[in-house]
Amino acid sequence: MADQFTFNELIEALLAFSLVKRLAEERLLSIHRLVQAVQIDRMEPEEQRSWAGRVVRAVHTLFPADPKNEIDTWPLCLRYLEQVQACDWLIHQHSLQLPEAAELLDRAGTYLWKHASYGIAEPLFQRAIAIAEQQGRAGHLQVASSLNNLGILYYEQGKYERAEPLYQRALHIREQALGPHHPLVTSSLNNLGIFYSQQGKYELAEPLLQQALHIREQALGPHHPQIAFPLNNLGCLYCEQGKYELAEPLLQRALHIWEQTLGPHHPQIAFPLTDLGILYRLQGRYELAEPLLRQSLRIREKTLGPQHPLLVEPLNALANLSREQGQYEQADVLYQRALSLLQQSRGWQHADVGEILQDLAQLRQMQQHDDEAAVLYQQALAIQEQARGANHPKTRETRERLYAVLQTLGRAEEAVLEAPPDPVQAGESAGIHVI
């Protein structure tokens, strides 16, 4: 209402009887729960359902449309999150099969996933899929969006066998609805490529990531910020394979695009900063690596807070850098912080935990603590075998390192292998990213 005086007159009686509470600083009105209960009780079931639908549509209108990419909308997402939870109950209570309901649950799930609240996000995505599926052909693209997001959620928790079929189904729906060259298809191509890269199936991952890059370049032009995602991910894939001369220009180009379009302090910049820092460390260019990694860590801490699992990447990379420069105490602190963040958010059986335990084991070897290193390698190997399989390049590398340290200790008979396999040196995991 434009007239503030008229508005105040309308709510004066409600305020006088404390039926409504006015929160001036937040610009909110809070209606007492008893008032809500009485009003709802006076309605017939169909009237209740009608008003429930209006509430869902209203909150859908207010809740930011793209919390995945528009990070500056996160304060608004947080403000309306309680309203979404109320809508979730209304949707269930009244069996509301509205397109707005599916979109709202998907958006809220995306915000919660980005904040590592996986357990709360998962049922929202699942209900969004179920509602969109009820809409038939009209809901296909929403089904694909929620399938993709649920796949990402499982991927980040290390539940790879649950992520792959969701990615594949989302890709099939989008290709059928939009054609194989639509930009929206590239999200599914990218995420499938990342999945195969995580499994060490580089020959399957590379063409998918290349295709995603090609489609986006053709559709959006070579300088669009959405080009930077497949550029960065393809660069990370080459980095993991040790193809540094192919990786560097791609990572640099991704960083340049995001700096030019988003500014040097945007949270998205943290991804190529970390990945370039990892590349330079692997090349022994420590003076270039350290400032990039520290800048990435600062950006993520400021944007996500000190307890978010996305801090693990720059923390572990900085720990590796410190270890290689002989700064053992500093490396230890960084490894322990990274492990603590992973334990809190993803549990001890996540593949990333295995990688950090292996890195920590290398630190113990350099400190002449071979017994402790052997224990850490054994723990890392058990996690890697469970999460990635016995023949993954990173699993084989861990097995080789364990065999070597057991030989040093005169305990080679304890190793799983009678002799180490042909050397396989897997590159450090770079920050290949879902979209």
Protein backbone atom coordinates (compact mmCIF):
# COMPACT_ATOMS: atom_id res chain seq x y z
CA MET A 1 0.00 0.00 0.00
CA ALA A 2 1.47 3.32 -1.05
CA ASP A 3 -0.19 5.37 1.74
CA GLN A 4 1.71 4.67 4.96
CA PHE A 5 -1.00 6.36 7.09
CA THR A 6 -3.75 4.10 5.72
CA PHE A 7 -1.55 1.06 6.22
CA ASN A 8 -0.93 1.99 9.86
CA GLU A 9 -4.67 2.44 10.43
CA LEU A 10 -5.35 -1.04 9.04
CA ILE A 11 -3.03 -2.79 11.46
CA GLU A 12 -3.63 -0.52 14.49
CA ALA A 13 -6.23 -2.77 16.08
CA LEU A 14 -4.16 -5.90 15.45
CA LEU A 15 -1.14 -4.25 17.06
CA ALA A 16 -3.23 -3.07 20.02
CA PHE A 17 -4.25 -6.64 20.84
CA SER A 18 -0.77 -8.03 20.11
CA LEU A 19 -2.19 -10.21 17.35
CA VAL A 20 0.46 -8.85 15.01
CA LYS A 21 4.01 -7.94 15.94
CA ARG A 22 5.80 -5.26 13.96
CA LEU A 23 9.54 -5.76 13.34
CA ALA A 24 10.48 -2.29 12.17
CA GLU A 25 14.19 -2.86 11.48
CA GLU A 26 13.53 -5.97 9.38
CA ARG A 27 10.42 -4.36 7.77
CA LEU A 28 8.35 -7.42 8.71
CA LEU A 29 4.99 -8.18 10.25
CA SER A 30 4.78 -11.35 12.33
CA ILE A 31 1.29 -12.80 12.80
CA HIS A 32 0.77 -14.72 16.04
CA ARG A 33 0.52 -18.47 15.48
CA LEU A 34 -2.82 -18.61 17.32
CA VAL A 35 -4.26 -16.04 14.91
CA GLN A 36 -3.02 -18.12 12.00
CA ALA A 37 -4.54 -21.30 13.46
CA VAL A 38 -7.94 -19.65 14.03
CA GLN A 39 -8.03 -18.18 10.52
CA ILE A 40 -7.13 -21.51 8.93
CA ASP A 41 -9.69 -23.36 11.06
CA ARG A 42 -12.46 -21.06 9.80
CA MET A 43 -11.74 -22.03 6.17
CA GLU A 44 -13.22 -24.91 4.23
CA PRO A 45 -10.64 -27.43 2.92
CA GLU A 46 -10.81 -26.11 -0.64
CA GLU A 47 -10.34 -22.53 0.58
CA GLN A 48 -7.33 -23.65 2.60
CA ARG A 49 -5.88 -25.33 -0.49
CA SER A 50 -6.49 -22.23 -2.58
CA TRP A 51 -4.69 -19.99 -0.08
CA ALA A 52 -1.85 -22.51 0.25
CA GLY A 53 -1.31 -22.30 -3.52
CA ARG A 54 -1.24 -18.50 -3.33
CA VAL A 55 1.36 -18.64 -0.57
CA VAL A 56 3.58 -20.99 -2.59
CA ARG A 57 3.31 -18.78 -5.68
CA ALA A 58 4.07 -15.66 -3.62
CA VAL A 59 7.20 -17.15 -2.03
CA HIS A 60 8.25 -18.49 -5.45
CA THR A 61 8.03 -14.95 -6.79
CA LEU A 62 10.23 -13.64 -3.97
CA PHE A 63 12.84 -16.39 -3.67
CA PRO A 64 15.90 -15.68 -5.91
CA ALA A 65 15.77 -17.59 -9.18
CA ASP A 66 19.44 -18.60 -9.47
CA PRO A 67 21.15 -19.07 -6.09
CA LYS A 68 23.71 -21.37 -7.76
CA ASN A 69 25.37 -18.57 -9.73
CA GLU A 70 24.07 -15.34 -8.20
CA ILE A 71 25.91 -15.42 -4.90
CA ASP A 72 24.89 -11.88 -3.99
CA THR A 73 21.30 -13.14 -3.57
CA TRP A 74 22.23 -15.46 -0.69
CA PRO A 75 21.13 -13.04 2.07
CA LEU A 76 17.66 -12.96 0.47
CA CYS A 77 17.63 -16.76 0.21
CA LEU A 78 18.41 -17.00 3.91
CA ARG A 79 15.69 -14.47 4.74
CA TYR A 80 13.01 -16.48 2.91
CA LEU A 81 14.25 -19.95 3.86
CA GLU A 82 11.82 -20.28 6.77
CA GLN A 83 8.97 -19.36 4.41
CA VAL A 84 10.10 -22.09 2.00
CA GLN A 85 10.03 -24.62 4.83
CA ALA A 86 6.44 -23.57 5.58
CA CYS A 87 5.62 -23.90 1.87
CA ASP A 88 7.16 -27.36 1.81
CA TRP A 89 4.68 -28.41 4.50
CA LEU A 90 1.78 -26.81 2.61
CA ILE A 91 2.81 -28.50 -0.63
CA HIS A 92 2.80 -31.86 1.10
CA GLN A 93 -0.36 -31.21 3.15
CA HIS A 94 -2.45 -30.14 0.13
CA SER A 95 -0.72 -32.23 -2.57
CA LEU A 96 0.06 -29.10 -4.59
CA GLN A 97 1.35 -30.18 -8.01
CA LEU A 98 2.27 -26.64 -9.09
CA PRO A 99 5.21 -25.82 -11.38
CA GLU A 100 6.05 -23.01 -8.95
CA ALA A 101 6.24 -25.55 -6.13
CA ALA A 102 8.81 -27.67 -7.96
CA GLU A 103 10.88 -24.61 -8.87
CA LEU A 104 10.75 -23.21 -5.34
CA LEU A 105 11.92 -26.46 -3.73
CA ASP A 106 14.69 -26.79 -6.32
CA ARG A 107 15.93 -23.24 -5.70
CA ALA A 108 15.92 -23.68 -1.93
CA GLY A 109 17.69 -27.04 -2.28
CA THR A 110 20.34 -25.37 -4.42
CA TYR A 111 20.96 -22.68 -1.80
CA LEU A 112 21.27 -25.31 0.93
CA TRP A 113 23.55 -27.51 -1.19
CA LYS A 114 25.84 -24.50 -1.84
CA HIS A 115 26.08 -24.14 1.95
CA ALA A 116 26.86 -27.84 2.43
CA SER A 117 23.52 -28.54 4.14
CA TYR A 118 23.23 -31.78 2.18
CA GLY A 119 20.81 -33.60 4.47
CA ILE A 120 18.24 -30.77 4.26
CA ALA A 121 18.70 -30.17 0.53
CA GLU A 122 18.30 -33.80 -0.60
CA PRO A 123 14.56 -34.26 0.21
CA LEU A 124 13.77 -30.86 -1.35
CA PHE A 125 15.33 -31.96 -4.65
CA GLN A 126 13.56 -35.31 -4.47
CA ARG A 127 10.16 -33.67 -3.91
CA ALA A 128 10.85 -31.14 -6.68
CA ILE A 129 11.51 -34.03 -9.09
CA ALA A 130 8.33 -35.85 -8.04
CA ILE A 131 6.17 -32.73 -8.51
CA ALA A 132 7.71 -31.85 -11.89
CA GLU A 133 7.25 -35.42 -13.12
CA GLN A 134 3.51 -35.13 -12.43
CA GLN A 135 3.31 -32.25 -14.92
CA GLY A 136 4.27 -34.48 -17.85
CA ARG A 137 6.02 -32.86 -20.80
CA ALA A 138 5.57 -29.36 -19.38
CA GLY A 139 7.76 -30.27 -16.42
CA HIS A 140 10.57 -32.01 -18.30
CA LEU A 141 13.15 -29.25 -18.05
CA GLN A 142 12.43 -28.73 -14.35
CA VAL A 143 12.87 -32.47 -13.81
CA ALA A 144 16.25 -32.23 -15.59
CA SER A 145 17.32 -29.26 -13.45
CA SER A 146 16.50 -31.01 -10.19
CA LEU A 147 18.06 -34.28 -11.38
CA ASN A 148 21.25 -32.38 -12.22
CA ASN A 149 21.31 -30.62 -8.85
CA LEU A 150 20.62 -33.81 -6.91
CA GLY A 151 23.42 -35.47 -8.89
CA ILE A 152 25.80 -32.69 -7.85
CA LEU A 153 24.76 -33.12 -4.22
CA TYR A 154 25.53 -36.86 -4.35
CA TYR A 155 28.79 -36.23 -6.22
CA GLU A 156 30.04 -33.79 -3.60
CA GLN A 157 29.29 -36.33 -0.87
CA GLY A 158 31.26 -39.00 -2.74
CA LYS A 159 28.12 -41.00 -3.62
CA TYR A 160 29.30 -41.42 -7.19
CA GLU A 161 27.17 -44.44 -8.09
CA ARG A 162 24.04 -42.40 -7.30
CA ALA A 163 25.20 -39.31 -9.19
CA GLU A 164 25.94 -40.88 -12.60
CA PRO A 165 22.43 -42.09 -13.53
CA LEU A 166 20.96 -38.72 -12.52
CA TYR A 167 23.44 -36.87 -14.75
CA GLN A 168 22.72 -39.21 -17.65
CA ARG A 169 18.96 -38.87 -17.28
CA ALA A 170 19.20 -35.07 -17.08
CA LEU A 171 21.36 -35.03 -20.23
CA HIS A 172 18.87 -37.23 -22.12
CA ILE A 173 15.89 -35.03 -21.14
CA ARG A 174 17.66 -31.82 -22.15
CA GLU A 175 18.88 -33.21 -25.48
CA GLN A 176 15.38 -34.47 -26.28
CA ALA A 177 13.71 -31.19 -25.33
CA LEU A 178 16.25 -28.66 -26.61
CA GLY A 179 18.47 -30.46 -29.09
CA PRO A 180 22.10 -31.55 -28.61
CA HIS A 181 23.63 -28.09 -29.14
CA HIS A 182 21.66 -26.00 -26.65
CA PRO A 183 23.75 -24.22 -23.94
CA LEU A 184 21.67 -25.82 -21.18
CA VAL A 185 22.83 -29.24 -22.37
CA THR A 186 26.42 -28.26 -21.53
CA SER A 187 25.75 -28.38 -17.79
CA SER A 188 24.98 -32.09 -18.03
CA LEU A 189 27.92 -32.71 -20.38
CA ASN A 190 30.21 -30.91 -17.95
CA ASN A 191 29.02 -32.81 -14.90
CA LEU A 192 29.26 -36.19 -16.61
CA GLY A 193 32.77 -35.25 -17.73
CA ILE A 194 33.69 -34.40 -14.15
CA PHE A 195 32.24 -37.69 -12.95
CA TYR A 196 34.35 -39.70 -15.40
CA SER A 197 37.43 -37.66 -14.51
CA GLN A 198 36.86 -38.46 -10.83
CA GLN A 199 36.74 -42.14 -11.77
CA GLY A 200 40.02 -41.85 -13.67
CA LYS A 201 38.24 -42.42 -17.01
CA TYR A 202 39.98 -39.53 -18.68
CA GLU A 203 39.31 -40.82 -22.20
CA LEU A 204 35.56 -40.50 -21.53
CA ALA A 205 35.80 -37.19 -19.68
CA GLU A 206 37.83 -35.19 -22.21
CA PRO A 207 35.41 -35.29 -25.20
CA LEU A 208 32.47 -34.38 -22.96
CA LEU A 209 34.26 -31.33 -21.54
CA GLN A 210 35.49 -30.32 -24.99
CA GLN A 211 31.95 -30.60 -26.36
CA ALA A 212 30.59 -28.47 -23.51
CA LEU A 213 33.20 -25.79 -24.24
CA HIS A 214 32.53 -25.85 -27.98
CA ILE A 215 28.74 -25.50 -27.58
CA ARG A 216 29.06 -22.59 -25.17
CA GLU A 217 31.59 -20.77 -27.33
CA GLN A 218 29.33 -21.14 -30.36
CA ALA A 219 26.22 -20.02 -28.50
CA LEU A 220 27.58 -17.33 -26.17
CA GLY A 221 30.82 -16.09 -27.72
CA PRO A 222 34.42 -16.50 -26.54
CA HIS A 223 34.28 -13.95 -23.68
CA HIS A 224 31.02 -14.83 -21.91
CA PRO A 225 31.47 -15.68 -18.20
CA GLN A 226 29.73 -19.04 -18.70
CA ILE A 227 32.60 -20.03 -21.03
CA ALA A 228 34.98 -19.97 -18.06
CA PHE A 229 33.44 -23.05 -16.43
CA PRO A 230 34.27 -25.59 -19.16
CA LEU A 231 37.59 -23.82 -19.82
CA ASN A 232 38.58 -24.20 -16.19
CA ASN A 233 37.35 -27.80 -15.96
CA LEU A 234 39.15 -28.90 -19.12
CA GLY A 235 42.31 -27.24 -17.78
CA CYS A 236 41.93 -29.17 -14.51
CA LEU A 237 41.52 -32.44 -16.41
CA TYR A 238 44.79 -31.84 -18.28
CA CYS A 239 46.47 -30.85 -15.01
CA GLU A 240 45.45 -34.17 -13.41
CA GLN A 241 46.96 -36.00 -16.38
CA GLY A 242 50.22 -34.06 -16.10
CA LYS A 243 49.60 -32.19 -19.39
CA TYR A 244 50.61 -28.88 -17.90
CA GLU A 245 51.36 -27.13 -21.19
CA LEU A 246 47.73 -27.71 -22.25
CA ALA A 247 46.27 -26.85 -18.85
CA GLU A 248 47.92 -23.48 -18.20
CA PRO A 249 46.46 -21.41 -21.08
CA LEU A 250 42.96 -22.74 -20.38
CA LEU A 251 43.13 -21.89 -16.67
CA GLN A 252 44.61 -18.47 -17.39
CA ARG A 253 41.88 -17.74 -19.93
CA ALA A 254 39.16 -18.76 -17.45
CA LEU A 255 40.66 -16.49 -14.78
CA HIS A 256 40.92 -13.57 -17.22
CA ILE A 257 37.29 -13.92 -18.36
CA TRP A 258 35.97 -13.97 -14.80
CA GLU A 259 38.18 -11.07 -13.69
CA GLN A 260 36.98 -8.97 -16.63
CA THR A 261 33.28 -9.80 -16.22
CA LEU A 262 32.85 -10.34 -12.46
CA GLY A 263 35.70 -8.34 -10.92
CA PRO A 264 38.84 -9.52 -9.09
CA HIS A 265 37.13 -10.27 -5.77
CA HIS A 266 34.10 -12.24 -6.95
CA PRO A 267 33.75 -15.67 -5.26
CA GLN A 268 33.89 -17.41 -8.65
CA ILE A 269 37.47 -16.18 -9.08
CA ALA A 270 38.55 -18.54 -6.29
CA PHE A 271 38.22 -21.57 -8.58
CA PRO A 272 40.79 -20.67 -11.26
CA LEU A 273 43.03 -19.09 -8.61
CA THR A 274 43.20 -22.41 -6.75
CA ASP A 275 43.67 -24.44 -9.92
CA LEU A 276 46.40 -22.22 -11.32
CA GLY A 277 48.10 -22.29 -7.92
CA ILE A 278 48.04 -26.10 -7.95
CA LEU A 279 49.44 -26.14 -11.49
CA TYR A 280 52.30 -23.82 -10.59
CA ARG A 281 53.12 -25.88 -7.49
CA LEU A 282 53.27 -29.05 -9.53
CA GLN A 283 55.68 -27.25 -11.88
CA GLY A 284 57.82 -26.09 -8.94
CA ARG A 285 56.92 -22.42 -9.53
CA TYR A 286 56.27 -21.78 -5.86
CA GLU A 287 56.61 -17.99 -6.02
CA LEU A 288 53.65 -17.88 -8.43
CA ALA A 289 51.59 -20.53 -6.65
CA GLU A 290 51.47 -19.18 -3.09
CA PRO A 291 49.84 -15.76 -3.66
CA LEU A 292 47.16 -17.31 -5.88
CA LEU A 293 46.29 -19.96 -3.29
CA ARG A 294 46.21 -17.47 -0.43
CA GLN A 295 43.99 -15.12 -2.42
CA SER A 296 41.62 -17.99 -3.19
CA LEU A 297 41.44 -18.95 0.50
CA ARG A 298 40.72 -15.32 1.52
CA ILE A 299 37.90 -15.01 -1.03
CA ARG A 300 36.26 -18.27 0.05
CA GLU A 301 36.56 -17.50 3.77
CA LYS A 302 34.97 -14.08 3.23
CA THR A 303 32.15 -15.44 1.05
CA LEU A 304 31.40 -18.82 2.61
CA GLY A 305 32.69 -18.51 6.16
CA PRO A 306 35.53 -20.40 7.88
CA GLN A 307 33.75 -23.79 8.10
CA HIS A 308 32.66 -24.42 4.50
CA PRO A 309 34.05 -27.55 2.74
CA LEU A 310 35.04 -25.51 -0.34
CA LEU A 311 37.90 -24.16 1.78
CA VAL A 312 39.46 -27.63 1.67
CA GLU A 313 40.92 -27.19 -1.82
CA PRO A 314 43.07 -24.11 -1.17
CA LEU A 315 43.93 -25.35 2.35
CA ASN A 316 45.24 -28.68 1.06
CA ALA A 317 47.06 -27.03 -1.83
CA LEU A 318 48.75 -24.58 0.57
CA ALA A 319 49.65 -27.49 2.85
CA ASN A 320 51.31 -29.32 -0.05
CA LEU A 321 53.16 -26.15 -0.98
CA SER A 322 54.38 -25.67 2.61
CA ARG A 323 55.47 -29.33 2.82
CA GLU A 324 57.53 -29.09 -0.35
CA GLN A 325 59.21 -25.93 0.91
CA GLY A 326 60.17 -27.61 4.20
CA GLN A 327 57.62 -25.68 6.30
CA TYR A 328 56.43 -28.82 8.06
CA GLU A 329 54.64 -27.33 11.06
CA GLN A 330 52.63 -24.97 8.88
CA ALA A 331 51.76 -27.82 6.53
CA ASP A 332 50.55 -29.95 9.43
CA VAL A 333 48.21 -27.22 10.69
CA LEU A 334 46.72 -26.75 7.22
CA TYR A 335 46.22 -30.50 6.66
CA GLN A 336 44.49 -30.89 10.02
CA ARG A 337 42.15 -27.98 9.31
CA ALA A 338 41.26 -29.41 5.88
CA LEU A 339 40.58 -32.85 7.38
CA SER A 340 38.39 -31.35 10.10
CA LEU A 341 36.26 -29.48 7.55
CA LEU A 342 35.80 -32.64 5.47
CA GLN A 343 34.89 -34.72 8.50
CA GLN A 344 32.21 -32.23 9.52
CA SER A 345 30.64 -31.89 6.07
CA ARG A 346 31.23 -35.15 4.17
CA GLY A 347 32.38 -37.78 6.63
CA TRP A 348 35.58 -39.83 6.86
CA GLN A 349 34.87 -42.11 3.89
CA HIS A 350 34.93 -39.39 1.22
CA ALA A 351 37.57 -39.78 -1.51
CA ASP A 352 38.98 -36.33 -0.72
CA VAL A 353 39.78 -37.52 2.81
CA GLY A 354 41.88 -40.31 1.30
CA GLU A 355 43.84 -37.80 -0.78
CA ILE A 356 44.60 -35.55 2.20
CA LEU A 357 45.60 -38.53 4.35
CA GLN A 358 48.04 -39.53 1.62
CA ASP A 359 49.46 -36.02 1.50
CA LEU A 360 49.79 -36.02 5.29
CA ALA A 361 51.54 -39.39 5.09
CA GLN A 362 54.09 -37.88 2.71
CA LEU A 363 54.68 -35.13 5.27
CA ARG A 364 55.31 -37.74 7.98
CA GLN A 365 57.83 -39.47 5.72
CA MET A 366 59.69 -36.21 5.22
CA GLN A 367 59.68 -35.79 9.01
CA GLN A 368 61.22 -39.29 9.34
CA HIS A 369 58.08 -40.69 10.97
CA ASP A 370 57.71 -43.73 8.70
CA ASP A 371 55.60 -45.80 11.12
CA GLU A 372 52.98 -43.05 11.30
CA ALA A 373 53.19 -42.58 7.52
CA ALA A 374 52.44 -46.28 6.97
CA VAL A 375 49.30 -46.05 9.11
CA LEU A 376 48.11 -42.98 7.20
CA TYR A 377 48.77 -44.65 3.83
CA GLN A 378 46.79 -47.70 4.96
CA GLN A 379 43.86 -45.50 5.97
CA ALA A 380 44.07 -43.58 2.70
CA LEU A 381 44.20 -46.80 0.67
CA ALA A 382 41.11 -48.23 2.36
CA ILE A 383 39.16 -45.03 1.62
CA GLN A 384 40.39 -44.80 -1.99
CA GLU A 385 39.52 -48.43 -2.72
CA GLN A 386 36.04 -47.96 -1.30
CA ALA A 387 35.37 -44.60 -2.96
CA ARG A 388 37.14 -45.03 -6.31
CA GLY A 389 37.91 -48.70 -6.79
CA ALA A 390 41.14 -50.72 -6.69
CA ASN A 391 42.32 -49.75 -10.19
CA HIS A 392 41.83 -45.99 -10.08
CA PRO A 393 45.12 -44.14 -10.76
CA LYS A 394 45.02 -42.43 -7.37
CA THR A 395 44.32 -45.73 -5.60
CA ARG A 396 47.26 -47.36 -7.35
CA GLU A 397 49.49 -44.43 -6.42
CA THR A 398 48.51 -44.77 -2.74
CA ARG A 399 49.21 -48.52 -2.89
CA GLU A 400 52.65 -47.90 -4.36
CA ARG A 401 53.52 -45.35 -1.69
CA LEU A 402 52.38 -47.72 1.06
CA TYR A 403 54.52 -50.52 -0.42
CA ALA A 404 57.55 -48.22 -0.56
CA VAL A 405 57.29 -47.11 3.07
CA LEU A 406 56.70 -50.69 4.25
CA GLN A 407 59.84 -51.74 2.39
CA THR A 408 61.77 -48.99 4.20
CA LEU A 409 60.46 -50.35 7.50
CA GLY A 410 61.36 -53.92 6.54
CA ARG A 411 57.69 -54.90 6.49
CA ALA A 412 57.13 -55.44 2.77
CA GLU A 413 55.37 -58.74 3.45
CA GLU A 414 52.45 -56.76 4.90
CA ALA A 415 51.73 -55.11 1.57
CA VAL A 416 48.82 -56.27 -0.57
CA LEU A 417 51.12 -56.55 -3.59
CA GLU A 418 54.20 -58.78 -3.68
CA ALA A 419 55.83 -56.11 -5.82
CA PRO A 420 54.72 -52.62 -6.81
CA PRO A 421 52.99 -52.27 -10.18
CA ASP A 422 54.32 -50.14 -13.00
CA PRO A 423 54.68 -46.57 -11.73
CA VAL A 424 51.58 -44.46 -12.12
CA GLN A 425 51.94 -40.90 -10.98
CA ALA A 426 48.48 -39.37 -10.70
CA GLY A 427 48.45 -35.58 -10.67
CA GLU A 428 47.11 -33.66 -7.71
CA SER A 429 43.36 -33.21 -7.82
CA ALA A 430 42.53 -29.79 -9.16
CA GLY A 431 39.24 -28.08 -8.55
CA ILE A 432 37.18 -29.47 -11.40
CA HIS A 433 33.73 -28.01 -10.87
CA VAL A 434 30.09 -28.99 -11.33
CA ILE A 435 27.69 -26.49 -12.90
